[in-house]
Amino acid sequence: MPMRRRRPLLRAAATGAVVYGATKAGTNAAINKQQAAAEDEARMQAVEAQAAEAQQMAAQAQQQAPPPAAPPAAPAGAGTEDRLAQLKELAALRDSGVLTPEEFEQEKQRILNG
């Protein structure tokens, strides 16, 4: 009789161990997924913080950039060649984006009327 009891108890114990092991493995997998998700979230936040810092630094650099230098004033009684050279220089500054079209027109009128 004792033999019959041992086998059912051993089966129950073995089954319990298997169930426990499967449950433990499932719990560990869930914990690992949560940890991986938390690490991914932390990495994303770090990348976003770096991007925001880079944008802020770029904005500060633009604000600190000196304004474009005004073209040299035309000397009194400047000849046509000097005026033409100044107009070409102004056009180059406008084309490169240093001067706005409005600034270009103002300086052009100053040179032509000067």
N, C-alpha and C. Protein backbone atom coordinates (compact mmCIF):
# COMPACT_ATOMS: atom_id res chain seq x y z
N MET A 1 0.78 -1.19 0.00
CA MET A 1 0.00 0.00 0.00
C MET A 1 0.85 1.29 0.00
N PRO A 2 1.88 1.34 0.75
CA PRO A 2 2.67 2.55 0.73
C PRO A 2 3.21 2.87 -0.66
N MET A 3 3.42 1.89 -1.48
CA MET A 3 3.92 2.17 -2.82
C MET A 3 2.89 2.94 -3.64
N ARG A 4 1.69 2.62 -3.48
CA ARG A 4 0.67 3.33 -4.24
C ARG A 4 0.60 4.79 -3.84
N ARG A 5 0.82 5.04 -2.61
CA ARG A 5 0.75 6.42 -2.17
C ARG A 5 1.93 7.25 -2.71
N ARG A 6 3.06 6.67 -2.75
CA ARG A 6 4.22 7.43 -3.19
C ARG A 6 4.11 7.89 -4.63
N ARG A 7 3.66 7.05 -5.45
CA ARG A 7 3.58 7.46 -6.85
C ARG A 7 2.62 8.63 -7.06
N PRO A 8 1.41 8.59 -6.55
CA PRO A 8 0.56 9.76 -6.74
C PRO A 8 1.14 11.01 -6.09
N LEU A 9 1.78 10.87 -4.96
CA LEU A 9 2.39 12.04 -4.32
C LEU A 9 3.57 12.55 -5.13
N LEU A 10 4.35 11.65 -5.68
CA LEU A 10 5.48 12.07 -6.50
C LEU A 10 5.00 12.77 -7.76
N ARG A 11 3.94 12.22 -8.34
CA ARG A 11 3.39 12.88 -9.53
C ARG A 11 2.88 14.27 -9.19
N ALA A 12 2.21 14.39 -8.09
CA ALA A 12 1.68 15.69 -7.69
C ALA A 12 2.81 16.66 -7.41
N ALA A 13 3.84 16.19 -6.76
CA ALA A 13 4.98 17.04 -6.46
C ALA A 13 5.69 17.44 -7.75
N ALA A 14 5.85 16.49 -8.64
CA ALA A 14 6.51 16.78 -9.92
C ALA A 14 5.66 17.76 -10.73
N THR A 15 4.37 17.54 -10.75
CA THR A 15 3.47 18.43 -11.48
C THR A 15 3.52 19.82 -10.88
N GLY A 16 3.53 19.89 -9.56
CA GLY A 16 3.63 21.19 -8.89
C GLY A 16 4.92 21.90 -9.22
N ALA A 17 6.00 21.16 -9.30
CA ALA A 17 7.29 21.76 -9.63
C ALA A 17 7.30 22.29 -11.06
N VAL A 18 6.69 21.55 -11.96
CA VAL A 18 6.62 21.98 -13.36
C VAL A 18 5.77 23.23 -13.46
N VAL A 19 4.63 23.24 -12.78
CA VAL A 19 3.75 24.40 -12.82
C VAL A 19 4.46 25.60 -12.22
N TYR A 20 5.14 25.40 -11.10
CA TYR A 20 5.89 26.48 -10.46
C TYR A 20 6.97 27.00 -11.39
N GLY A 21 7.69 26.09 -12.02
CA GLY A 21 8.76 26.49 -12.94
C GLY A 21 8.21 27.29 -14.12
N ALA A 22 7.09 26.85 -14.67
CA ALA A 22 6.49 27.55 -15.80
C ALA A 22 5.99 28.92 -15.36
N THR A 23 5.40 28.98 -14.18
CA THR A 23 4.91 30.25 -13.68
C THR A 23 6.07 31.19 -13.41
N LYS A 24 7.11 30.67 -12.81
CA LYS A 24 8.30 31.48 -12.51
C LYS A 24 8.93 31.99 -13.81
N ALA A 25 9.01 31.12 -14.80
CA ALA A 25 9.58 31.53 -16.09
C ALA A 25 8.71 32.62 -16.73
N GLY A 26 7.40 32.46 -16.66
CA GLY A 26 6.50 33.48 -17.22
C GLY A 26 6.63 34.80 -16.49
N THR A 27 6.77 34.73 -15.18
CA THR A 27 6.94 35.95 -14.39
C THR A 27 8.26 36.63 -14.73
N ASN A 28 9.31 35.85 -14.85
CA ASN A 28 10.61 36.42 -15.21
C ASN A 28 10.56 37.05 -16.60
N ALA A 29 9.88 36.41 -17.52
CA ALA A 29 9.77 36.97 -18.87
C ALA A 29 9.02 38.29 -18.83
N ALA A 30 7.96 38.37 -18.04
CA ALA A 30 7.20 39.62 -17.92
C ALA A 30 8.06 40.71 -17.29
N ILE A 31 8.82 40.34 -16.26
CA ILE A 31 9.70 41.31 -15.61
C ILE A 31 10.77 41.79 -16.59
N ASN A 32 11.34 40.87 -17.36
CA ASN A 32 12.36 41.25 -18.35
C ASN A 32 11.78 42.18 -19.40
N LYS A 33 10.55 41.94 -19.83
CA LYS A 33 9.91 42.82 -20.81
C LYS A 33 9.71 44.21 -20.23
N GLN A 34 9.27 44.27 -18.97
CA GLN A 34 9.06 45.56 -18.33
C GLN A 34 10.38 46.31 -18.20
N GLN A 35 11.44 45.61 -17.83
CA GLN A 35 12.75 46.25 -17.70
C GLN A 35 13.25 46.75 -19.05
N ALA A 36 13.05 45.94 -20.08
CA ALA A 36 13.47 46.35 -21.42
C ALA A 36 12.69 47.58 -21.87
N ALA A 37 11.39 47.60 -21.59
CA ALA A 37 10.57 48.74 -21.97
C ALA A 37 11.01 49.99 -21.21
N ALA A 38 11.33 49.83 -19.92
CA ALA A 38 11.80 50.97 -19.14
C ALA A 38 13.14 51.48 -19.66
N GLU A 39 14.03 50.58 -20.04
CA GLU A 39 15.33 50.99 -20.59
C GLU A 39 15.15 51.70 -21.92
N ASP A 40 14.25 51.19 -22.76
CA ASP A 40 13.97 51.85 -24.04
C ASP A 40 13.42 53.25 -23.82
N GLU A 41 12.52 53.38 -22.85
CA GLU A 41 11.94 54.69 -22.54
C GLU A 41 13.02 55.65 -22.06
N ALA A 42 13.92 55.16 -21.22
CA ALA A 42 15.01 56.00 -20.72
C ALA A 42 15.93 56.43 -21.86
N ARG A 43 16.22 55.52 -22.78
CA ARG A 43 17.07 55.88 -23.94
C ARG A 43 16.38 56.93 -24.80
N MET A 44 15.07 56.76 -25.00
CA MET A 44 14.31 57.72 -25.82
C MET A 44 14.34 59.10 -25.18
N GLN A 45 14.15 59.14 -23.87
CA GLN A 45 14.16 60.42 -23.17
C GLN A 45 15.54 61.07 -23.26
N ALA A 46 16.58 60.27 -23.19
CA ALA A 46 17.95 60.81 -23.30
C ALA A 46 18.18 61.38 -24.69
N VAL A 47 17.72 60.69 -25.71
CA VAL A 47 17.89 61.17 -27.09
C VAL A 47 17.10 62.46 -27.29
N GLU A 48 15.88 62.51 -26.77
CA GLU A 48 15.06 63.72 -26.90
C GLU A 48 15.70 64.88 -26.16
N ALA A 49 16.28 64.62 -25.00
CA ALA A 49 16.94 65.68 -24.24
C ALA A 49 18.16 66.20 -25.01
N GLN A 50 18.91 65.30 -25.63
CA GLN A 50 20.07 65.73 -26.42
C GLN A 50 19.63 66.56 -27.62
N ALA A 51 18.55 66.15 -28.26
CA ALA A 51 18.06 66.90 -29.42
C ALA A 51 17.60 68.29 -28.99
N ALA A 52 16.90 68.37 -27.87
CA ALA A 52 16.43 69.67 -27.39
C ALA A 52 17.61 70.57 -27.03
N GLU A 53 18.64 69.99 -26.43
CA GLU A 53 19.83 70.75 -26.07
C GLU A 53 20.55 71.26 -27.32
N ALA A 54 20.62 70.41 -28.34
CA ALA A 54 21.27 70.83 -29.59
C ALA A 54 20.50 71.97 -30.26
N GLN A 55 19.17 71.88 -30.23
CA GLN A 55 18.36 72.96 -30.82
C GLN A 55 18.55 74.26 -30.04
N GLN A 56 18.60 74.16 -28.72
CA GLN A 56 18.79 75.34 -27.90
C GLN A 56 20.16 75.97 -28.17
N MET A 57 21.19 75.14 -28.30
CA MET A 57 22.52 75.66 -28.59
C MET A 57 22.56 76.32 -29.96
N ALA A 58 21.87 75.75 -30.93
CA ALA A 58 21.84 76.34 -32.27
C ALA A 58 21.13 77.69 -32.23
N ALA A 59 20.04 77.78 -31.48
CA ALA A 59 19.32 79.05 -31.37
C ALA A 59 20.18 80.10 -30.69
N GLN A 60 20.93 79.72 -29.66
CA GLN A 60 21.81 80.66 -28.99
C GLN A 60 22.92 81.12 -29.92
N ALA A 61 23.44 80.21 -30.72
CA ALA A 61 24.51 80.57 -31.66
C ALA A 61 24.01 81.57 -32.69
N GLN A 62 22.77 81.39 -33.13
CA GLN A 62 22.21 82.33 -34.11
C GLN A 62 22.01 83.70 -33.48
N GLN A 63 21.58 83.72 -32.22
CA GLN A 63 21.35 84.99 -31.55
C GLN A 63 22.66 85.72 -31.29
N GLN A 64 23.73 84.99 -31.07
CA GLN A 64 25.01 85.60 -30.75
C GLN A 64 25.80 86.00 -32.00
N ALA A 65 25.35 85.57 -33.17
CA ALA A 65 26.07 85.90 -34.40
C ALA A 65 26.00 87.41 -34.63
N PRO A 66 27.12 88.01 -34.98
CA PRO A 66 27.10 89.47 -35.21
C PRO A 66 26.28 89.80 -36.45
N PRO A 67 25.65 90.98 -36.46
CA PRO A 67 24.88 91.37 -37.64
C PRO A 67 25.81 91.57 -38.84
N PRO A 68 25.30 91.41 -40.03
CA PRO A 68 26.17 91.57 -41.21
C PRO A 68 26.70 93.00 -41.28
N ALA A 69 27.93 93.10 -41.69
CA ALA A 69 28.57 94.41 -41.80
C ALA A 69 27.98 95.18 -42.97
N ALA A 70 27.80 96.47 -42.76
CA ALA A 70 27.28 97.31 -43.83
C ALA A 70 28.38 97.49 -44.88
N PRO A 71 27.98 97.56 -46.14
CA PRO A 71 28.98 97.76 -47.18
C PRO A 71 29.66 99.12 -46.99
N PRO A 72 30.88 99.25 -47.45
CA PRO A 72 31.59 100.52 -47.27
C PRO A 72 30.88 101.67 -47.97
N ALA A 73 30.97 102.83 -47.36
CA ALA A 73 30.32 104.01 -47.93
C ALA A 73 31.08 104.45 -49.19
N ALA A 74 30.33 104.97 -50.12
CA ALA A 74 30.94 105.44 -51.37
C ALA A 74 31.67 106.75 -51.10
N PRO A 75 32.90 106.85 -51.58
CA PRO A 75 33.61 108.12 -51.39
C PRO A 75 32.96 109.23 -52.20
N ALA A 76 33.10 110.45 -51.72
CA ALA A 76 32.50 111.60 -52.41
C ALA A 76 33.09 111.71 -53.80
N GLY A 77 32.21 111.93 -54.79
CA GLY A 77 32.66 112.07 -56.17
C GLY A 77 33.16 110.78 -56.77
N ALA A 78 32.65 109.65 -56.31
CA ALA A 78 33.09 108.36 -56.81
C ALA A 78 32.71 108.22 -58.28
N GLY A 79 33.58 107.60 -59.03
CA GLY A 79 33.33 107.43 -60.44
C GLY A 79 32.33 106.32 -60.72
N THR A 80 31.95 106.18 -61.97
CA THR A 80 30.98 105.18 -62.39
C THR A 80 31.50 103.77 -62.13
N GLU A 81 32.79 103.57 -62.31
CA GLU A 81 33.36 102.24 -62.09
C GLU A 81 33.27 101.84 -60.62
N ASP A 82 33.52 102.81 -59.73
CA ASP A 82 33.41 102.51 -58.30
C ASP A 82 31.98 102.16 -57.92
N ARG A 83 31.04 102.92 -58.45
CA ARG A 83 29.63 102.64 -58.16
C ARG A 83 29.23 101.26 -58.68
N LEU A 84 29.68 100.94 -59.86
CA LEU A 84 29.36 99.64 -60.44
C LEU A 84 29.94 98.51 -59.59
N ALA A 85 31.17 98.68 -59.12
CA ALA A 85 31.79 97.67 -58.27
C ALA A 85 31.02 97.52 -56.97
N GLN A 86 30.58 98.64 -56.40
CA GLN A 86 29.80 98.58 -55.16
C GLN A 86 28.46 97.88 -55.37
N LEU A 87 27.82 98.16 -56.49
CA LEU A 87 26.54 97.51 -56.80
C LEU A 87 26.72 96.00 -56.99
N LYS A 88 27.82 95.61 -57.62
CA LYS A 88 28.10 94.19 -57.79
C LYS A 88 28.33 93.52 -56.43
N GLU A 89 29.05 94.22 -55.58
CA GLU A 89 29.30 93.69 -54.24
C GLU A 89 27.98 93.55 -53.46
N LEU A 90 27.13 94.55 -53.57
CA LEU A 90 25.82 94.50 -52.92
C LEU A 90 25.00 93.32 -53.45
N ALA A 91 25.01 93.13 -54.75
CA ALA A 91 24.25 92.02 -55.34
C ALA A 91 24.77 90.68 -54.85
N ALA A 92 26.08 90.57 -54.70
CA ALA A 92 26.66 89.32 -54.19
C ALA A 92 26.22 89.08 -52.75
N LEU A 93 26.20 90.15 -51.95
CA LEU A 93 25.75 90.02 -50.57
C LEU A 93 24.28 89.62 -50.49
N ARG A 94 23.48 90.21 -51.38
CA ARG A 94 22.05 89.86 -51.42
C ARG A 94 21.86 88.41 -51.85
N ASP A 95 22.60 87.98 -52.87
CA ASP A 95 22.48 86.62 -53.37
C ASP A 95 22.94 85.58 -52.35
N SER A 96 23.90 85.95 -51.52
CA SER A 96 24.39 85.00 -50.52
C SER A 96 23.51 84.99 -49.28
N GLY A 97 22.55 85.91 -49.20
CA GLY A 97 21.63 85.92 -48.07
C GLY A 97 22.05 86.83 -46.94
N VAL A 98 23.14 87.57 -47.11
CA VAL A 98 23.60 88.47 -46.05
C VAL A 98 22.68 89.68 -45.96
N LEU A 99 22.25 90.19 -47.12
CA LEU A 99 21.34 91.33 -47.16
C LEU A 99 19.96 90.89 -47.63
N THR A 100 18.95 91.51 -47.05
CA THR A 100 17.59 91.26 -47.52
C THR A 100 17.36 92.11 -48.77
N PRO A 101 16.35 91.80 -49.56
CA PRO A 101 16.08 92.63 -50.74
C PRO A 101 15.82 94.09 -50.38
N GLU A 102 15.18 94.34 -49.24
CA GLU A 102 14.90 95.72 -48.83
C GLU A 102 16.21 96.46 -48.51
N GLU A 103 17.12 95.76 -47.79
CA GLU A 103 18.40 96.38 -47.47
C GLU A 103 19.20 96.64 -48.75
N PHE A 104 19.12 95.71 -49.68
CA PHE A 104 19.81 95.87 -50.96
C PHE A 104 19.31 97.12 -51.68
N GLU A 105 18.00 97.30 -51.72
CA GLU A 105 17.42 98.46 -52.42
C GLU A 105 17.83 99.76 -51.74
N GLN A 106 17.84 99.78 -50.41
CA GLN A 106 18.24 101.00 -49.69
C GLN A 106 19.69 101.37 -50.01
N GLU A 107 20.56 100.39 -49.95
CA GLU A 107 21.98 100.66 -50.21
C GLU A 107 22.21 101.02 -51.68
N LYS A 108 21.45 100.38 -52.56
CA LYS A 108 21.58 100.70 -53.99
C LYS A 108 21.20 102.16 -54.24
N GLN A 109 20.12 102.60 -53.62
CA GLN A 109 19.68 103.99 -53.81
C GLN A 109 20.71 104.97 -53.21
N ARG A 110 21.30 104.58 -52.07
CA ARG A 110 22.32 105.43 -51.45
C ARG A 110 23.54 105.57 -52.37
N ILE A 111 23.92 104.45 -52.99
CA ILE A 111 25.09 104.50 -53.89
C ILE A 111 24.76 105.31 -55.14
N LEU A 112 23.60 105.08 -55.72
CA LEU A 112 23.25 105.79 -56.96
C LEU A 112 23.02 107.28 -56.72
N ASN A 113 22.51 107.62 -55.56
CA ASN A 113 22.24 109.04 -55.28
C ASN A 113 23.43 109.74 -54.61
N GLY A 114 24.41 108.96 -54.21
CA GLY A 114 25.50 109.42 -53.39
C GLY A 114 26.45 110.33 -53.99
